[in-house]
Amino acid sequence: MSSTIQVRVDDDLKTRSDKLFKDLGTDTTTAIRIFLTQSLAVNGFPFEIKKIAENPFTSLSEVEMLDKLETARKHAAQEMYKDADDVSRDMRAKYGL
């Protein structure tokens, strides 16, 4: 036996999603089925959901930018940084990439 789920979404969202899933070799219905299956497999959303407190892309004034640059230089002089290769290795290990 199977059940039907009906969801109303914006036309543009549906059109763009249909195109994306077609490009990925599937359809929207199958993508939703995958989402539901993965949700059960991980006992929650199959991705992280979080509220962003502030826009990280707000523009900075020249003074603010120079202050951040100076702070970064001080941290570098104190060796308060991570090598990019170490960061990549840590992310690969943590997320199985």
Foldseek 3Di string as FASTA:
>chain_A
DDDDDDDDDDPVVQVVQQVVVVVVVHGPVVVVVVQVVCCVVVVHGNDDDDDDPDDPPDDDDPVVVVVVVVVVVVCVVVVVDDDPVVVVVVCCVVVVD
